[in-house]
C-alpha atoms as a PDB file:
ATOM      1  CA  UNK A   1     -14.606 -25.740 -64.907  1.00  0.00           C
ATOM      2  CA  UNK A   2     -13.028 -24.176 -61.754  1.00  0.00           C
ATOM      3  CA  UNK A   3     -10.302 -25.180 -59.335  1.00  0.00           C
ATOM      4  CA  UNK A   4     -10.290 -24.283 -55.949  1.00  0.00           C
ATOM      5  CA  UNK A   5      -6.760 -23.488 -54.335  1.00  0.00           C
ATOM      6  CA  UNK A   6      -6.027 -24.528 -50.837  1.00  0.00           C
ATOM      7  CA  UNK A   7      -5.839 -22.128 -48.048  1.00  0.00           C
ATOM      8  CA  UNK A   8      -2.131 -21.137 -47.299  1.00  0.00           C
ATOM      9  CA  UNK A   9      -0.554 -23.186 -44.776  1.00  0.00           C
ATOM     10  CA  UNK A  10      -0.596 -22.136 -41.210  1.00  0.00           C
ATOM     11  CA  UNK A  11       2.482 -22.533 -39.190  1.00  0.00           C
ATOM     12  CA  UNK A  12       1.483 -23.718 -35.940  1.00  0.00           C
ATOM     13  CA  UNK A  13       3.742 -22.624 -32.780  1.00  0.00           C
ATOM     14  CA  UNK A  14       4.332 -25.025 -30.304  1.00  0.00           C
ATOM     15  CA  UNK A  15       2.321 -24.983 -26.990  1.00  0.00           C
ATOM     16  CA  UNK A  16       5.580 -23.958 -24.997  1.00  0.00           C
ATOM     17  CA  UNK A  17       5.937 -20.909 -27.408  1.00  0.00           C
ATOM     18  CA  UNK A  18       3.047 -19.435 -25.966  1.00  0.00           C
ATOM     19  CA  UNK A  19       4.275 -19.838 -22.493  1.00  0.00           C
ATOM     20  CA  UNK A  20       6.644 -17.270 -23.077  1.00  0.00           C
ATOM     21  CA  UNK A  21       4.381 -14.493 -23.237  1.00  0.00           C
ATOM     22  CA  UNK A  22       2.571 -15.345 -19.930  1.00  0.00           C
ATOM     23  CA  UNK A  23       3.307 -12.835 -17.369  1.00  0.00           C
ATOM     24  CA  UNK A  24       1.944 -14.547 -14.696  1.00  0.00           C
ATOM     25  CA  UNK A  25       4.249 -17.664 -15.052  1.00  0.00           C
ATOM     26  CA  UNK A  26       7.358 -15.427 -15.402  1.00  0.00           C
ATOM     27  CA  UNK A  27       6.582 -13.616 -12.188  1.00  0.00           C
ATOM     28  CA  UNK A  28       5.607 -16.681 -10.487  1.00  0.00           C
ATOM     29  CA  UNK A  29       9.037 -18.000 -11.394  1.00  0.00           C
ATOM     30  CA  UNK A  30      10.737 -14.939  -9.996  1.00  0.00           C
ATOM     31  CA  UNK A  31       8.937 -15.303  -6.851  1.00  0.00           C
ATOM     32  CA  UNK A  32       9.870 -19.036  -6.422  1.00  0.00           C
ATOM     33  CA  UNK A  33      13.723 -17.924  -7.319  1.00  0.00           C
ATOM     34  CA  UNK A  34      13.579 -15.366  -4.617  1.00  0.00           C
ATOM     35  CA  UNK A  35      12.265 -17.701  -2.130  1.00  0.00           C
ATOM     36  CA  UNK A  36      14.740 -20.575  -3.080  1.00  0.00           C
ATOM     37  CA  UNK A  37      17.523 -18.203  -2.779  1.00  0.00           C
ATOM     38  CA  UNK A  38      16.566 -17.419   0.814  1.00  0.00           C
ATOM     39  CA  UNK A  39      16.364 -21.161   1.513  1.00  0.00           C
ATOM     40  CA  UNK A  40      19.926 -22.238   0.313  1.00  0.00           C
ATOM     41  CA  UNK A  41      21.126 -18.654   2.032  1.00  0.00           C
ATOM     42  CA  UNK A  42      19.465 -20.353   5.153  1.00  0.00           C
ATOM     43  CA  UNK A  43      20.959 -23.818   4.844  1.00  0.00           C
ATOM     44  CA  UNK A  44      24.401 -22.803   3.232  1.00  0.00           C
ATOM     45  CA  UNK A  45      25.005 -19.251   4.103  1.00  0.00           C
ATOM     46  CA  UNK A  46      27.123 -18.020   7.134  1.00  0.00           C
ATOM     47  CA  UNK A  47      25.703 -15.506  10.090  1.00  0.00           C
ATOM     48  CA  UNK A  48      26.329 -12.024  10.201  1.00  0.00           C
ATOM     49  CA  UNK A  49      28.406 -11.657  13.343  1.00  0.00           C
ATOM     50  CA  UNK A  50      28.936  -8.101  15.040  1.00  0.00           C
ATOM     51  CA  UNK A  51      31.108  -7.418  18.006  1.00  0.00           C
ATOM     52  CA  UNK A  52      31.560  -4.254  20.405  1.00  0.00           C
ATOM     53  CA  UNK A  53      35.042  -3.500  21.944  1.00  0.00           C
ATOM     54  CA  UNK A  54      33.362  -4.173  25.208  1.00  0.00           C
ATOM     55  CA  UNK A  55      33.213  -8.108  24.000  1.00  0.00           C
ATOM     56  CA  UNK A  56      29.613  -8.378  23.293  1.00  0.00           C
ATOM     57  CA  UNK A  57      28.716 -10.417  19.906  1.00  0.00           C
ATOM     58  CA  UNK A  58      25.561 -10.013  18.173  1.00  0.00           C
ATOM     59  CA  UNK A  59      24.804 -12.771  15.764  1.00  0.00           C
ATOM     60  CA  UNK A  60      21.839 -12.522  12.866  1.00  0.00           C
ATOM     61  CA  UNK A  61      21.239 -15.105  10.693  1.00  0.00           C
ATOM     62  CA  UNK A  62      21.830 -14.045   6.827  1.00  0.00           C
ATOM     63  CA  UNK A  63      19.000 -15.420   5.623  1.00  0.00           C
ATOM     64  CA  UNK A  64      16.684 -13.334   7.711  1.00  0.00           C
ATOM     65  CA  UNK A  65      17.799 -10.156   5.888  1.00  0.00           C
ATOM     66  CA  UNK A  66      17.948 -12.016   2.575  1.00  0.00           C
ATOM     67  CA  UNK A  67      14.208 -13.194   3.523  1.00  0.00           C
ATOM     68  CA  UNK A  68      13.380  -9.442   4.286  1.00  0.00           C
ATOM     69  CA  UNK A  69      14.358  -8.201   0.795  1.00  0.00           C
ATOM     70  CA  UNK A  70      12.829 -11.261  -0.588  1.00  0.00           C
ATOM     71  CA  UNK A  71       9.764 -10.086   0.759  1.00  0.00           C
ATOM     72  CA  UNK A  72       9.838  -6.791  -0.503  1.00  0.00           C
ATOM     73  CA  UNK A  73      10.661  -8.151  -3.826  1.00  0.00           C
ATOM     74  CA  UNK A  74       7.549 -10.376  -3.912  1.00  0.00           C
ATOM     75  CA  UNK A  75       5.316  -7.754  -2.961  1.00  0.00           C
ATOM     76  CA  UNK A  76       6.637  -5.711  -5.997  1.00  0.00           C
ATOM     77  CA  UNK A  77       7.037  -8.783  -8.325  1.00  0.00           C
ATOM     78  CA  UNK A  78       3.076  -9.669  -7.407  1.00  0.00           C
ATOM     79  CA  UNK A  79       1.710  -6.548  -7.477  1.00  0.00           C
ATOM     80  CA  UNK A  80       3.180  -6.179 -11.071  1.00  0.00           C
ATOM     81  CA  UNK A  81       2.899  -9.641 -12.409  1.00  0.00           C
ATOM     82  CA  UNK A  82      -0.562 -10.523 -11.202  1.00  0.00           C
ATOM     83  CA  UNK A  83      -2.630  -7.605 -11.911  1.00  0.00           C
ATOM     84  CA  UNK A  84      -5.119  -7.317 -14.474  1.00  0.00           C
ATOM     85  CA  UNK A  85      -4.692  -5.699 -17.767  1.00  0.00           C
ATOM     86  CA  UNK A  86      -7.484  -3.115 -17.160  1.00  0.00           C
ATOM     87  CA  UNK A  87      -5.876  -1.987 -13.751  1.00  0.00           C
END
């Protein structure tokens, strides 16, 4: 008479553990975080104010400058994060 042994028990990882390795998810989170920073700086941040000795002042919203750099960061993050594996 022969006996069969059971297969070794496979440890199943939870579903969220697979999400940690998804590059597209992290790229999306980084892009959302950049634009949330622009939003909160636009709401709560101050303006850049410059003045000349002649008395003229220029006011630039700080969210404009931060938004420009968020735009550049979005392009580079999306280019790396959403590219195909074969590229």
